[in-house]
PDB file of all heavy atoms in Angstrom:
ATOM      1  N   PHE A   1      -7.541  -4.906  -5.372  1.00  0.00           N
ATOM      2  CA  PHE A   1      -7.342  -6.256  -5.894  1.00  0.00           C
ATOM      3  C   PHE A   1      -8.637  -6.871  -6.421  1.00  0.00           C
ATOM      4  O   PHE A   1      -8.606  -7.695  -7.320  1.00  0.00           O
ATOM      5  CB  PHE A   1      -6.706  -7.147  -4.821  1.00  0.00           C
ATOM      6  CG  PHE A   1      -5.367  -6.625  -4.380  1.00  0.00           C
ATOM      7  CD1 PHE A   1      -5.240  -5.948  -3.178  1.00  0.00           C
ATOM      8  CD2 PHE A   1      -4.247  -6.768  -5.174  1.00  0.00           C
ATOM      9  CE1 PHE A   1      -4.013  -5.452  -2.768  1.00  0.00           C
ATOM     10  CE2 PHE A   1      -3.013  -6.271  -4.784  1.00  0.00           C
ATOM     11  CZ  PHE A   1      -2.896  -5.603  -3.579  1.00  0.00           C
ATOM     12  N   ASN A   2      -9.770  -6.477  -5.864  1.00  0.00           N
ATOM     13  CA  ASN A   2     -11.059  -6.920  -6.405  1.00  0.00           C
ATOM     14  C   ASN A   2     -11.411  -6.155  -7.672  1.00  0.00           C
ATOM     15  O   ASN A   2     -12.068  -6.685  -8.559  1.00  0.00           O
ATOM     16  CB  ASN A   2     -12.173  -6.751  -5.373  1.00  0.00           C
ATOM     17  CG  ASN A   2     -12.063  -7.749  -4.247  1.00  0.00           C
ATOM     18  OD1 ASN A   2     -11.559  -8.854  -4.430  1.00  0.00           O
ATOM     19  ND2 ASN A   2     -12.509  -7.357  -3.075  1.00  0.00           N
ATOM     20  N   SER A   3     -10.979  -4.915  -7.741  1.00  0.00           N
ATOM     21  CA  SER A   3     -11.296  -4.070  -8.904  1.00  0.00           C
ATOM     22  C   SER A   3     -10.452  -4.415 -10.124  1.00  0.00           C
ATOM     23  O   SER A   3     -10.910  -4.271 -11.258  1.00  0.00           O
ATOM     24  CB  SER A   3     -11.085  -2.595  -8.554  1.00  0.00           C
ATOM     25  OG  SER A   3     -11.927  -2.196  -7.504  1.00  0.00           O
ATOM     26  N   PHE A   4      -9.212  -4.847  -9.894  1.00  0.00           N
ATOM     27  CA  PHE A   4      -8.268  -5.091 -10.997  1.00  0.00           C
ATOM     28  C   PHE A   4      -7.645  -6.474 -10.817  1.00  0.00           C
ATOM     29  O   PHE A   4      -6.719  -6.659 -10.037  1.00  0.00           O
ATOM     30  CB  PHE A   4      -7.217  -3.981 -11.038  1.00  0.00           C
ATOM     31  CG  PHE A   4      -7.847  -2.625 -11.142  1.00  0.00           C
ATOM     32  CD1 PHE A   4      -7.923  -1.798 -10.041  1.00  0.00           C
ATOM     33  CD2 PHE A   4      -8.420  -2.203 -12.330  1.00  0.00           C
ATOM     34  CE1 PHE A   4      -8.541  -0.552 -10.122  1.00  0.00           C
ATOM     35  CE2 PHE A   4      -9.044  -0.971 -12.424  1.00  0.00           C
ATOM     36  CZ  PHE A   4      -9.102  -0.131 -11.323  1.00  0.00           C
ATOM     37  N   ARG A   5      -8.151  -7.438 -11.565  1.00  0.00           N
ATOM     38  CA  ARG A   5      -7.817  -8.854 -11.357  1.00  0.00           C
ATOM     39  C   ARG A   5      -6.367  -9.218 -11.623  1.00  0.00           C
ATOM     40  O   ARG A   5      -5.884 -10.239 -11.136  1.00  0.00           O
ATOM     41  CB  ARG A   5      -8.747  -9.738 -12.179  1.00  0.00           C
ATOM     42  CG  ARG A   5      -8.644  -9.519 -13.662  1.00  0.00           C
ATOM     43  CD  ARG A   5      -9.709 -10.323 -14.402  1.00  0.00           C
ATOM     44  NE  ARG A   5      -9.716  -9.940 -15.802  1.00  0.00           N
ATOM     45  CZ  ARG A   5      -9.217 -10.680 -16.766  1.00  0.00           C
ATOM     46  NH1 ARG A   5      -8.693 -11.849 -16.476  1.00  0.00           N
ATOM     47  NH2 ARG A   5      -9.255 -10.265 -18.009  1.00  0.00           N
ATOM     48  N   ASN A   6      -5.637  -8.416 -12.399  1.00  0.00           N
ATOM     49  CA  ASN A   6      -4.237  -8.737 -12.683  1.00  0.00           C
ATOM     50  C   ASN A   6      -3.273  -8.176 -11.638  1.00  0.00           C
ATOM     51  O   ASN A   6      -2.094  -8.497 -11.660  1.00  0.00           O
ATOM     52  CB  ASN A   6      -3.835  -8.220 -14.070  1.00  0.00           C
ATOM     53  CG  ASN A   6      -4.581  -8.945 -15.168  1.00  0.00           C
ATOM     54  OD1 ASN A   6      -4.823 -10.142 -15.078  1.00  0.00           O
ATOM     55  ND2 ASN A   6      -4.967  -8.226 -16.197  1.00  0.00           N
ATOM     56  N   ALA A   7      -3.777  -7.343 -10.761  1.00  0.00           N
ATOM     57  CA  ALA A   7      -2.935  -6.746  -9.716  1.00  0.00           C
ATOM     58  C   ALA A   7      -2.631  -7.795  -8.654  1.00  0.00           C
ATOM     59  O   ALA A   7      -3.501  -8.568  -8.262  1.00  0.00           O
ATOM     60  CB  ALA A   7      -3.647  -5.557  -9.097  1.00  0.00           C
ATOM     61  N   GLU A   8      -1.384  -7.821  -8.203  1.00  0.00           N
ATOM     62  CA  GLU A   8      -0.979  -8.814  -7.214  1.00  0.00           C
ATOM     63  C   GLU A   8      -0.423  -8.201  -5.929  1.00  0.00           C
ATOM     64  O   GLU A   8      -0.647  -8.710  -4.851  1.00  0.00           O
ATOM     65  CB  GLU A   8       0.082  -9.736  -7.812  1.00  0.00           C
ATOM     66  CG  GLU A   8      -0.432 -10.539  -8.991  1.00  0.00           C
ATOM     67  CD  GLU A   8       0.671 -11.296  -9.704  1.00  0.00           C
ATOM     68  OE1 GLU A   8       1.788 -11.400  -9.158  1.00  0.00           O
ATOM     69  OE2 GLU A   8       0.403 -11.784 -10.815  1.00  0.00           O
ATOM     70  N   THR A   9       0.326  -7.096  -6.064  1.00  0.00           N
ATOM     71  CA  THR A   9       1.018  -6.516  -4.915  1.00  0.00           C
ATOM     72  C   THR A   9       1.018  -4.993  -5.023  1.00  0.00           C
ATOM     73  O   THR A   9       1.133  -4.446  -6.114  1.00  0.00           O
ATOM     74  CB  THR A   9       2.486  -7.000  -4.865  1.00  0.00           C
ATOM     75  OG1 THR A   9       2.504  -8.418  -4.869  1.00  0.00           O
ATOM     76  CG2 THR A   9       3.208  -6.486  -3.641  1.00  0.00           C
ATOM     77  N   LEU A  10       0.906  -4.324  -3.890  1.00  0.00           N
ATOM     78  CA  LEU A  10       1.077  -2.870  -3.818  1.00  0.00           C
ATOM     79  C   LEU A  10       2.138  -2.561  -2.765  1.00  0.00           C
ATOM     80  O   LEU A  10       2.074  -3.066  -1.642  1.00  0.00           O
ATOM     81  CB  LEU A  10      -0.217  -2.170  -3.397  1.00  0.00           C
ATOM     82  CG  LEU A  10      -1.231  -1.817  -4.457  1.00  0.00           C
ATOM     83  CD1 LEU A  10      -2.469  -1.190  -3.815  1.00  0.00           C
ATOM     84  CD2 LEU A  10      -0.666  -0.912  -5.519  1.00  0.00           C
ATOM     85  N   ASP A  11       3.097  -1.740  -3.149  1.00  0.00           N
ATOM     86  CA  ASP A  11       4.049  -1.186  -2.189  1.00  0.00           C
ATOM     87  C   ASP A  11       3.409   0.091  -1.655  1.00  0.00           C
ATOM     88  O   ASP A  11       3.128   1.008  -2.429  1.00  0.00           O
ATOM     89  CB  ASP A  11       5.382  -0.876  -2.871  1.00  0.00           C
ATOM     90  CG  ASP A  11       6.063  -2.145  -3.358  1.00  0.00           C
ATOM     91  OD1 ASP A  11       6.033  -3.154  -2.630  1.00  0.00           O
ATOM     92  OD2 ASP A  11       6.618  -2.124  -4.467  1.00  0.00           O
ATOM     93  N   VAL A  12       3.154   0.135  -0.369  1.00  0.00           N
ATOM     94  CA  VAL A  12       2.393   1.227   0.244  1.00  0.00           C
ATOM     95  C   VAL A  12       3.310   2.053   1.142  1.00  0.00           C
ATOM     96  O   VAL A  12       4.020   1.509   1.987  1.00  0.00           O
ATOM     97  CB  VAL A  12       1.211   0.660   1.072  1.00  0.00           C
ATOM     98  CG1 VAL A  12       0.439   1.786   1.754  1.00  0.00           C
ATOM     99  CG2 VAL A  12       0.286  -0.161   0.188  1.00  0.00           C
ATOM    100  N   ASN A  13       3.272   3.375   0.945  1.00  0.00           N
ATOM    101  CA  ASN A  13       3.990   4.334   1.792  1.00  0.00           C
ATOM    102  C   ASN A  13       2.959   5.272   2.387  1.00  0.00           C
ATOM    103  O   ASN A  13       2.158   5.861   1.654  1.00  0.00           O
ATOM    104  CB  ASN A  13       4.978   5.162   0.963  1.00  0.00           C
ATOM    105  CG  ASN A  13       6.040   4.299   0.340  1.00  0.00           C
ATOM    106  OD1 ASN A  13       6.838   3.692   1.030  1.00  0.00           O
ATOM    107  ND2 ASN A  13       6.046   4.233  -0.986  1.00  0.00           N
ATOM    108  N   ILE A  14       2.978   5.413   3.709  1.00  0.00           N
ATOM    109  CA  ILE A  14       2.024   6.294   4.379  1.00  0.00           C
ATOM    110  C   ILE A  14       2.793   7.256   5.269  1.00  0.00           C
ATOM    111  O   ILE A  14       3.634   6.850   6.072  1.00  0.00           O
ATOM    112  CB  ILE A  14       1.004   5.496   5.205  1.00  0.00           C
ATOM    113  CG1 ILE A  14       0.226   4.561   4.271  1.00  0.00           C
ATOM    114  CG2 ILE A  14       0.065   6.436   5.957  1.00  0.00           C
ATOM    115  CD1 ILE A  14      -0.789   3.692   4.934  1.00  0.00           C
ATOM    116  N   VAL A  15       2.489   8.552   5.110  1.00  0.00           N
ATOM    117  CA  VAL A  15       3.099   9.595   5.923  1.00  0.00           C
ATOM    118  C   VAL A  15       1.986  10.262   6.721  1.00  0.00           C
ATOM    119  O   VAL A  15       0.994  10.721   6.155  1.00  0.00           O
ATOM    120  CB  VAL A  15       3.810  10.655   5.044  1.00  0.00           C
ATOM    121  CG1 VAL A  15       4.353  11.783   5.899  1.00  0.00           C
ATOM    122  CG2 VAL A  15       4.921  10.015   4.225  1.00  0.00           C
ATOM    123  N   GLY A  16       2.155  10.271   8.037  1.00  0.00           N
ATOM    124  CA  GLY A  16       1.179  10.902   8.910  1.00  0.00           C
ATOM    125  C   GLY A  16       1.854  11.899   9.821  1.00  0.00           C
ATOM    126  O   GLY A  16       3.063  12.126   9.725  1.00  0.00           O
ATOM    127  N   PRO A  17       1.089  12.502  10.729  1.00  0.00           N
ATOM    128  CA  PRO A  17       1.638  13.522  11.620  1.00  0.00           C
ATOM    129  C   PRO A  17       2.767  13.025  12.523  1.00  0.00           C
ATOM    130  O   PRO A  17       3.661  13.788  12.871  1.00  0.00           O
ATOM    131  CB  PRO A  17       0.443  13.953  12.458  1.00  0.00           C
ATOM    132  CG  PRO A  17      -0.759  13.481  11.749  1.00  0.00           C
ATOM    133  CD  PRO A  17      -0.343  12.318  10.913  1.00  0.00           C
ATOM    134  N   LYS A  18       2.743  11.737  12.910  1.00  0.00           N
ATOM    135  CA  LYS A  18       3.749  11.232  13.855  1.00  0.00           C
ATOM    136  C   LYS A  18       4.778  10.295  13.242  1.00  0.00           C
ATOM    137  O   LYS A  18       5.833  10.090  13.828  1.00  0.00           O
ATOM    138  CB  LYS A  18       3.057  10.503  15.010  1.00  0.00           C
ATOM    139  CG  LYS A  18       2.332  11.432  15.942  1.00  0.00           C
ATOM    140  CD  LYS A  18       1.876  10.689  17.165  1.00  0.00           C
ATOM    141  CE  LYS A  18       1.202  11.641  18.129  1.00  0.00           C
ATOM    142  NZ  LYS A  18       0.664  10.962  19.287  1.00  0.00           N
ATOM    143  N   SER A  19       4.463   9.690  12.108  1.00  0.00           N
ATOM    144  CA  SER A  19       5.421   8.741  11.549  1.00  0.00           C
ATOM    145  C   SER A  19       5.168   8.474  10.076  1.00  0.00           C
ATOM    146  O   SER A  19       4.159   8.895   9.518  1.00  0.00           O
ATOM    147  CB  SER A  19       5.389   7.415  12.328  1.00  0.00           C
ATOM    148  OG  SER A  19       4.192   6.718  12.056  1.00  0.00           O
ATOM    149  N   GLN A  20       6.102   7.751   9.513  1.00  0.00           N
ATOM    150  CA  GLN A  20       5.999   7.291   8.139  1.00  0.00           C
ATOM    151  C   GLN A  20       6.172   5.777   8.181  1.00  0.00           C
ATOM    152  O   GLN A  20       7.057   5.271   8.872  1.00  0.00           O
ATOM    153  CB  GLN A  20       7.092   7.923   7.290  1.00  0.00           C
ATOM    154  CG  GLN A  20       7.091   7.430   5.860  1.00  0.00           C
ATOM    155  CD  GLN A  20       8.117   8.141   4.994  1.00  0.00           C
ATOM    156  OE1 GLN A  20       8.620   9.190   5.356  1.00  0.00           O
ATOM    157  NE2 GLN A  20       8.417   7.568   3.865  1.00  0.00           N
ATOM    158  N   LYS A  21       5.318   5.063   7.456  1.00  0.00           N
ATOM    159  CA  LYS A  21       5.391   3.604   7.458  1.00  0.00           C
ATOM    160  C   LYS A  21       5.319   3.074   6.040  1.00  0.00           C
ATOM    161  O   LYS A  21       4.709   3.679   5.163  1.00  0.00           O
ATOM    162  CB  LYS A  21       4.249   3.000   8.278  1.00  0.00           C
ATOM    163  CG  LYS A  21       4.356   3.267   9.759  1.00  0.00           C
ATOM    164  CD  LYS A  21       3.323   2.482  10.535  1.00  0.00           C
ATOM    165  CE  LYS A  21       3.500   2.709  12.024  1.00  0.00           C
ATOM    166  NZ  LYS A  21       2.600   1.878  12.811  1.00  0.00           N
ATOM    167  N   LYS A  22       5.943   1.904   5.861  1.00  0.00           N
ATOM    168  CA  LYS A  22       5.901   1.204   4.581  1.00  0.00           C
ATOM    169  C   LYS A  22       5.251  -0.154   4.807  1.00  0.00           C
ATOM    170  O   LYS A  22       5.470  -0.794   5.833  1.00  0.00           O
ATOM    171  CB  LYS A  22       7.308   1.002   4.022  1.00  0.00           C
ATOM    172  CG  LYS A  22       7.959   2.274   3.591  1.00  0.00           C
ATOM    173  CD  LYS A  22       9.300   1.995   2.956  1.00  0.00           C
ATOM    174  CE  LYS A  22       9.888   3.321   2.501  1.00  0.00           C
ATOM    175  NZ  LYS A  22      10.844   3.141   1.437  1.00  0.00           N
ATOM    176  N   PHE A  23       4.475  -0.564   3.812  1.00  0.00           N
ATOM    177  CA  PHE A  23       3.797  -1.851   3.866  1.00  0.00           C
ATOM    178  C   PHE A  23       3.857  -2.499   2.491  1.00  0.00           C
ATOM    179  O   PHE A  23       4.057  -1.822   1.488  1.00  0.00           O
ATOM    180  CB  PHE A  23       2.311  -1.681   4.223  1.00  0.00           C
ATOM    181  CG  PHE A  23       2.047  -0.975   5.517  1.00  0.00           C
ATOM    182  CD1 PHE A  23       1.900   0.406   5.548  1.00  0.00           C
ATOM    183  CD2 PHE A  23       1.916  -1.689   6.692  1.00  0.00           C
ATOM    184  CE1 PHE A  23       1.642   1.064   6.734  1.00  0.00           C
ATOM    185  CE2 PHE A  23       1.656  -1.038   7.886  1.00  0.00           C
ATOM    186  CZ  PHE A  23       1.513   0.347   7.909  1.00  0.00           C
ATOM    187  N   GLU A  24       3.617  -3.777   2.472  1.00  0.00           N
ATOM    188  CA  GLU A  24       3.394  -4.491   1.221  1.00  0.00           C
ATOM    189  C   GLU A  24       2.060  -5.202   1.376  1.00  0.00           C
ATOM    190  O   GLU A  24       1.890  -6.004   2.297  1.00  0.00           O
ATOM    191  CB  GLU A  24       4.514  -5.491   0.953  1.00  0.00           C
ATOM    192  CG  GLU A  24       4.336  -6.225  -0.364  1.00  0.00           C
ATOM    193  CD  GLU A  24       5.436  -7.219  -0.632  1.00  0.00           C
ATOM    194  OE1 GLU A  24       5.331  -8.366  -0.123  1.00  0.00           O
ATOM    195  OE2 GLU A  24       6.398  -6.852  -1.326  1.00  0.00           O
ATOM    196  N   VAL A  25       1.109  -4.878   0.512  1.00  0.00           N
ATOM    197  CA  VAL A  25      -0.186  -5.545   0.556  1.00  0.00           C
ATOM    198  C   VAL A  25      -0.330  -6.420  -0.681  1.00  0.00           C
ATOM    199  O   VAL A  25       0.208  -6.114  -1.739  1.00  0.00           O
ATOM    200  CB  VAL A  25      -1.366  -4.548   0.687  1.00  0.00           C
ATOM    201  CG1 VAL A  25      -1.345  -3.858   2.031  1.00  0.00           C
ATOM    202  CG2 VAL A  25      -1.384  -3.537  -0.426  1.00  0.00           C
TER     203      VAL A  25
END
C-alpha cells in the first residue's frame, strides 16, 4: 500500500503445513 498509492485492498490466501487462511488487508 505504500508502494502503490492507488491500491486499497488485498484479498489474501495463505496455505501452510497445518491450515489455510483467508484475510482481507
